[in-house]
Amino acid sequence: MSIANNINTSVSNIIGIASNIRTGSNPPFTYDDFIAIYTQFGPDANGKTVVPQEIVQMYIDLANACIQEARWHAYWKVAMGWFVAHFLTLYVQGTADPNSGAAGVLKAGESRGLVASKSVGDVSVSRDYSTIAGDLDGWAAWKLTTYGQQLATIGRIVGKGGMYVY
């Protein structure tokens, strides 16, 4: 049934539907939910994790604030996983040994770009930073991990549609 045939729909309700703005609360998404999907971020056989549980929870909280079930519907859980896995991957890339000093911290925190070419003799690696902002304009850092690329790709589809703000 379309809203045009529903005589009980008010003008403000029609404007709300046309706005394409989705609100609402999310169902629970826990550390255990995330680890069930992405076991590589969970504990190993010795109970040691790559990323502390507090850091994982911090990114789960951030995802919960950014990824709305009302917009993503059936894709919500997978989008939450992509979001968290993306940021955890960047977190791991940016970690440094606390004993490495300022140079180690700076090296861990520098932008990586995408490897454009490699050499073996006399070792050489070229990185292309322009690709970060190419075909997913406005998605920049999401292109740095496969999780971010998946989130951005599906996010473009999920977010399609006009928007009207009254």
C-alpha atoms as a PDB file:
ATOM      1  CA  MET A   1       0.000   0.000   0.000  1.00  0.00           C
ATOM      2  CA  SER A   2       1.391   3.402  -0.875  1.00  0.00           C
ATOM      3  CA  ILE A   3       1.145   6.422   1.383  1.00  0.00           C
ATOM      4  CA  ALA A   4      -0.972   8.101  -1.308  1.00  0.00           C
ATOM      5  CA  ASN A   5      -3.774   5.605  -0.617  1.00  0.00           C
ATOM      6  CA  ASN A   6      -3.555   5.876   3.165  1.00  0.00           C
ATOM      7  CA  ILE A   7      -6.040   8.568   4.239  1.00  0.00           C
ATOM      8  CA  ASN A   8      -4.811   8.330   7.841  1.00  0.00           C
ATOM      9  CA  THR A   9      -1.345   9.634   6.930  1.00  0.00           C
ATOM     10  CA  SER A  10      -0.823  13.226   7.998  1.00  0.00           C
ATOM     11  CA  VAL A  11       1.109  15.804   6.014  1.00  0.00           C
ATOM     12  CA  SER A  12       3.857  15.869   8.646  1.00  0.00           C
ATOM     13  CA  ASN A  13       4.149  12.063   8.450  1.00  0.00           C
ATOM     14  CA  ILE A  14       4.482  12.250   4.656  1.00  0.00           C
ATOM     15  CA  ILE A  15       7.165  14.934   4.999  1.00  0.00           C
ATOM     16  CA  GLY A  16       8.948  12.746   7.546  1.00  0.00           C
ATOM     17  CA  ILE A  17       8.925   9.787   5.181  1.00  0.00           C
ATOM     18  CA  ALA A  18      10.128  11.962   2.278  1.00  0.00           C
ATOM     19  CA  SER A  19      12.993  13.345   4.349  1.00  0.00           C
ATOM     20  CA  ASN A  20      14.857  10.016   4.145  1.00  0.00           C
ATOM     21  CA  ILE A  21      16.206  10.739   7.623  1.00  0.00           C
ATOM     22  CA  ARG A  22      16.145   7.607   9.747  1.00  0.00           C
ATOM     23  CA  THR A  23      16.050   7.686  13.527  1.00  0.00           C
ATOM     24  CA  GLY A  24      15.593   5.159  16.255  1.00  0.00           C
ATOM     25  CA  SER A  25      17.593   3.053  18.613  1.00  0.00           C
ATOM     26  CA  ASN A  26      19.689   0.036  17.753  1.00  0.00           C
ATOM     27  CA  PRO A  27      19.331  -3.436  19.184  1.00  0.00           C
ATOM     28  CA  PRO A  28      22.240  -4.566  21.371  1.00  0.00           C
ATOM     29  CA  PHE A  29      25.532  -5.370  19.618  1.00  0.00           C
ATOM     30  CA  THR A  30      28.092  -6.729  22.054  1.00  0.00           C
ATOM     31  CA  TYR A  31      31.751  -7.647  22.143  1.00  0.00           C
ATOM     32  CA  ASP A  32      30.698 -11.309  21.887  1.00  0.00           C
ATOM     33  CA  ASP A  33      28.555 -10.530  18.814  1.00  0.00           C
ATOM     34  CA  PHE A  34      31.530  -8.901  17.124  1.00  0.00           C
ATOM     35  CA  ILE A  35      34.013 -11.657  18.039  1.00  0.00           C
ATOM     36  CA  ALA A  36      31.586 -14.305  16.772  1.00  0.00           C
ATOM     37  CA  ILE A  37      31.784 -12.661  13.330  1.00  0.00           C
ATOM     38  CA  TYR A  38      35.441 -11.582  13.347  1.00  0.00           C
ATOM     39  CA  THR A  39      37.260 -14.238  15.362  1.00  0.00           C
ATOM     40  CA  GLN A  40      40.644 -12.828  14.315  1.00  0.00           C
ATOM     41  CA  PHE A  41      40.107  -9.959  16.780  1.00  0.00           C
ATOM     42  CA  GLY A  42      39.228 -12.332  19.632  1.00  0.00           C
ATOM     43  CA  PRO A  43      41.441 -14.256  22.003  1.00  0.00           C
ATOM     44  CA  ASP A  44      43.896 -16.844  20.665  1.00  0.00           C
ATOM     45  CA  ALA A  45      44.422 -20.329  22.159  1.00  0.00           C
ATOM     46  CA  ASN A  46      46.321 -18.736  25.052  1.00  0.00           C
ATOM     47  CA  GLY A  47      43.583 -16.152  25.730  1.00  0.00           C
ATOM     48  CA  LYS A  48      45.697 -13.276  24.354  1.00  0.00           C
ATOM     49  CA  THR A  49      44.016 -10.732  22.085  1.00  0.00           C
ATOM     50  CA  VAL A  50      45.473  -8.555  19.352  1.00  0.00           C
ATOM     51  CA  VAL A  51      43.390  -5.602  20.563  1.00  0.00           C
ATOM     52  CA  PRO A  52      42.323  -5.065  24.191  1.00  0.00           C
ATOM     53  CA  GLN A  53      38.610  -5.643  24.808  1.00  0.00           C
ATOM     54  CA  GLU A  54      38.232  -2.035  26.034  1.00  0.00           C
ATOM     55  CA  ILE A  55      39.413  -0.735  22.658  1.00  0.00           C
ATOM     56  CA  VAL A  56      37.051  -3.077  20.797  1.00  0.00           C
ATOM     57  CA  GLN A  57      34.186  -1.859  23.003  1.00  0.00           C
ATOM     58  CA  MET A  58      35.130   1.766  22.301  1.00  0.00           C
ATOM     59  CA  TYR A  59      34.714   1.155  18.554  1.00  0.00           C
ATOM     60  CA  ILE A  60      31.497  -0.818  19.096  1.00  0.00           C
ATOM     61  CA  ASP A  61      30.125   2.227  20.929  1.00  0.00           C
ATOM     62  CA  LEU A  62      31.226   4.489  18.075  1.00  0.00           C
ATOM     63  CA  ALA A  63      29.614   2.171  15.507  1.00  0.00           C
ATOM     64  CA  ASN A  64      26.410   2.143  17.522  1.00  0.00           C
ATOM     65  CA  ALA A  65      26.317   5.944  17.338  1.00  0.00           C
ATOM     66  CA  CYS A  66      27.003   5.993  13.574  1.00  0.00           C
ATOM     67  CA  ILE A  67      25.299   2.934  12.060  1.00  0.00           C
ATOM     68  CA  GLN A  68      21.532   3.061  12.457  1.00  0.00           C
ATOM     69  CA  GLU A  69      19.502  -0.125  12.199  1.00  0.00           C
ATOM     70  CA  ALA A  70      16.596   1.978  10.895  1.00  0.00           C
ATOM     71  CA  ARG A  71      18.672   2.736   7.767  1.00  0.00           C
ATOM     72  CA  TRP A  72      20.610  -0.529   7.341  1.00  0.00           C
ATOM     73  CA  HIS A  73      17.796  -2.968   8.268  1.00  0.00           C
ATOM     74  CA  ALA A  74      18.957  -6.552   7.594  1.00  0.00           C
ATOM     75  CA  TYR A  75      22.484  -5.302   6.824  1.00  0.00           C
ATOM     76  CA  TRP A  76      22.840  -3.589  10.199  1.00  0.00           C
ATOM     77  CA  LYS A  77      24.753  -6.341  11.973  1.00  0.00           C
ATOM     78  CA  VAL A  78      27.209  -6.807   9.122  1.00  0.00           C
ATOM     79  CA  ALA A  79      27.663  -3.015   8.848  1.00  0.00           C
ATOM     80  CA  MET A  80      28.426  -2.840  12.566  1.00  0.00           C
ATOM     81  CA  GLY A  81      31.035  -5.558  12.060  1.00  0.00           C
ATOM     82  CA  TRP A  82      32.619  -3.810   9.076  1.00  0.00           C
ATOM     83  CA  PHE A  83      32.739  -0.515  10.953  1.00  0.00           C
ATOM     84  CA  VAL A  84      34.390  -1.980  14.039  1.00  0.00           C
ATOM     85  CA  ALA A  85      36.788  -4.234  12.066  1.00  0.00           C
ATOM     86  CA  HIS A  86      37.842  -1.248   9.940  1.00  0.00           C
ATOM     87  CA  PHE A  87      38.755   0.887  12.928  1.00  0.00           C
ATOM     88  CA  LEU A  88      40.436  -1.995  14.743  1.00  0.00           C
ATOM     89  CA  THR A  89      42.590  -2.652  11.670  1.00  0.00           C
ATOM     90  CA  LEU A  90      43.617   1.018  11.595  1.00  0.00           C
ATOM     91  CA  TYR A  91      44.218   0.855  15.360  1.00  0.00           C
ATOM     92  CA  VAL A  92      46.537  -2.137  14.950  1.00  0.00           C
ATOM     93  CA  GLN A  93      48.364  -0.390  12.082  1.00  0.00           C
ATOM     94  CA  GLY A  94      48.894   2.613  14.321  1.00  0.00           C
ATOM     95  CA  THR A  95      50.136   0.823  17.425  1.00  0.00           C
ATOM     96  CA  ALA A  96      53.754   1.040  18.443  1.00  0.00           C
ATOM     97  CA  ASP A  97      55.892  -0.614  21.061  1.00  0.00           C
ATOM     98  CA  PRO A  98      55.829   1.686  24.105  1.00  0.00           C
ATOM     99  CA  ASN A  99      59.626   1.337  24.238  1.00  0.00           C
ATOM    100  CA  SER A 100      60.112   2.539  20.644  1.00  0.00           C
ATOM    101  CA  GLY A 101      60.233   6.202  21.620  1.00  0.00           C
ATOM    102  CA  ALA A 102      58.918   9.128  19.635  1.00  0.00           C
ATOM    103  CA  ALA A 103      60.259   7.798  16.314  1.00  0.00           C
ATOM    104  CA  GLY A 104      58.355   4.532  16.721  1.00  0.00           C
ATOM    105  CA  VAL A 105      55.135   6.331  17.642  1.00  0.00           C
ATOM    106  CA  LEU A 106      55.476   8.695  14.669  1.00  0.00           C
ATOM    107  CA  LYS A 107      56.203   5.810  12.286  1.00  0.00           C
ATOM    108  CA  ALA A 108      53.148   3.878  13.511  1.00  0.00           C
ATOM    109  CA  GLY A 109      50.916   6.949  13.152  1.00  0.00           C
ATOM    110  CA  GLU A 110      51.886   8.003   9.646  1.00  0.00           C
ATOM    111  CA  SER A 111      49.463   7.587   6.779  1.00  0.00           C
ATOM    112  CA  ARG A 112      50.051   4.411   4.834  1.00  0.00           C
ATOM    113  CA  GLY A 113      48.537   5.032   1.414  1.00  0.00           C
ATOM    114  CA  LEU A 114      48.234   2.098  -0.965  1.00  0.00           C
ATOM    115  CA  VAL A 115      51.302   0.295  -2.276  1.00  0.00           C
ATOM    116  CA  ALA A 116      51.728   1.305  -5.923  1.00  0.00           C
ATOM    117  CA  SER A 117      54.979  -0.528  -6.678  1.00  0.00           C
ATOM    118  CA  LYS A 118      57.642  -2.637  -4.978  1.00  0.00           C
ATOM    119  CA  SER A 119      61.225  -3.571  -5.720  1.00  0.00           C
ATOM    120  CA  VAL A 120      63.486  -6.161  -4.130  1.00  0.00           C
ATOM    121  CA  GLY A 121      67.032  -5.183  -5.146  1.00  0.00           C
ATOM    122  CA  ASP A 122      68.059  -2.230  -2.943  1.00  0.00           C
ATOM    123  CA  VAL A 123      64.513  -2.338  -1.470  1.00  0.00           C
ATOM    124  CA  SER A 124      61.981   0.235  -2.640  1.00  0.00           C
ATOM    125  CA  VAL A 125      58.276   0.750  -2.005  1.00  0.00           C
ATOM    126  CA  SER A 126      56.120   3.428  -3.604  1.00  0.00           C
ATOM    127  CA  ARG A 127      52.818   4.469  -2.089  1.00  0.00           C
ATOM    128  CA  ASP A 128      49.936   6.168  -3.846  1.00  0.00           C
ATOM    129  CA  TYR A 129      48.011   8.539  -1.605  1.00  0.00           C
ATOM    130  CA  SER A 130      45.787   9.901  -4.391  1.00  0.00           C
ATOM    131  CA  THR A 131      43.781   6.681  -4.527  1.00  0.00           C
ATOM    132  CA  ILE A 132      42.502   7.321  -1.009  1.00  0.00           C
ATOM    133  CA  ALA A 133      40.176  10.044  -2.308  1.00  0.00           C
ATOM    134  CA  GLY A 134      39.411   8.717  -5.794  1.00  0.00           C
ATOM    135  CA  ASP A 135      36.264   6.791  -6.656  1.00  0.00           C
ATOM    136  CA  LEU A 136      34.744   6.929  -3.185  1.00  0.00           C
ATOM    137  CA  ASP A 137      34.902  10.698  -2.836  1.00  0.00           C
ATOM    138  CA  GLY A 138      34.178  11.697   0.709  1.00  0.00           C
ATOM    139  CA  TRP A 139      34.918   8.169   1.989  1.00  0.00           C
ATOM    140  CA  ALA A 140      38.728   8.714   2.150  1.00  0.00           C
ATOM    141  CA  ALA A 141      40.035   6.576   5.043  1.00  0.00           C
ATOM    142  CA  TRP A 142      37.349   3.942   4.480  1.00  0.00           C
ATOM    143  CA  LYS A 143      39.383   2.835   1.462  1.00  0.00           C
ATOM    144  CA  LEU A 144      42.349   1.864   3.628  1.00  0.00           C
ATOM    145  CA  THR A 145      40.906  -1.491   4.730  1.00  0.00           C
ATOM    146  CA  THR A 146      38.806  -4.141   3.037  1.00  0.00           C
ATOM    147  CA  TYR A 147      36.256  -3.729   5.820  1.00  0.00           C
ATOM    148  CA  GLY A 148      35.979   0.001   5.141  1.00  0.00           C
ATOM    149  CA  GLN A 149      35.690  -0.587   1.408  1.00  0.00           C
ATOM    150  CA  GLN A 150      32.813  -3.003   1.961  1.00  0.00           C
ATOM    151  CA  LEU A 151      31.083  -0.600   4.348  1.00  0.00           C
ATOM    152  CA  ALA A 152      31.471   2.309   1.918  1.00  0.00           C
ATOM    153  CA  THR A 153      30.277   0.259  -1.054  1.00  0.00           C
ATOM    154  CA  ILE A 154      27.116  -0.994   0.632  1.00  0.00           C
ATOM    155  CA  GLY A 155      26.687   2.339   2.458  1.00  0.00           C
ATOM    156  CA  ARG A 156      26.392   4.098  -0.882  1.00  0.00           C
ATOM    157  CA  ILE A 157      23.541   1.771  -1.822  1.00  0.00           C
ATOM    158  CA  VAL A 158      21.801   1.901   1.550  1.00  0.00           C
ATOM    159  CA  GLY A 159      22.017   5.687   1.653  1.00  0.00           C
ATOM    160  CA  LYS A 160      20.616   6.191  -1.849  1.00  0.00           C
ATOM    161  CA  GLY A 161      17.445   8.120  -2.298  1.00  0.00           C
ATOM    162  CA  GLY A 162      16.352  11.674  -2.215  1.00  0.00           C
ATOM    163  CA  MET A 163      16.136  13.737   0.921  1.00  0.00           C
ATOM    164  CA  TYR A 164      13.714  16.518   1.702  1.00  0.00           C
ATOM    165  CA  VAL A 165      14.047  18.625   4.828  1.00  0.00           C
ATOM    166  CA  TYR A 166      10.990  20.709   5.600  1.00  0.00           C
END
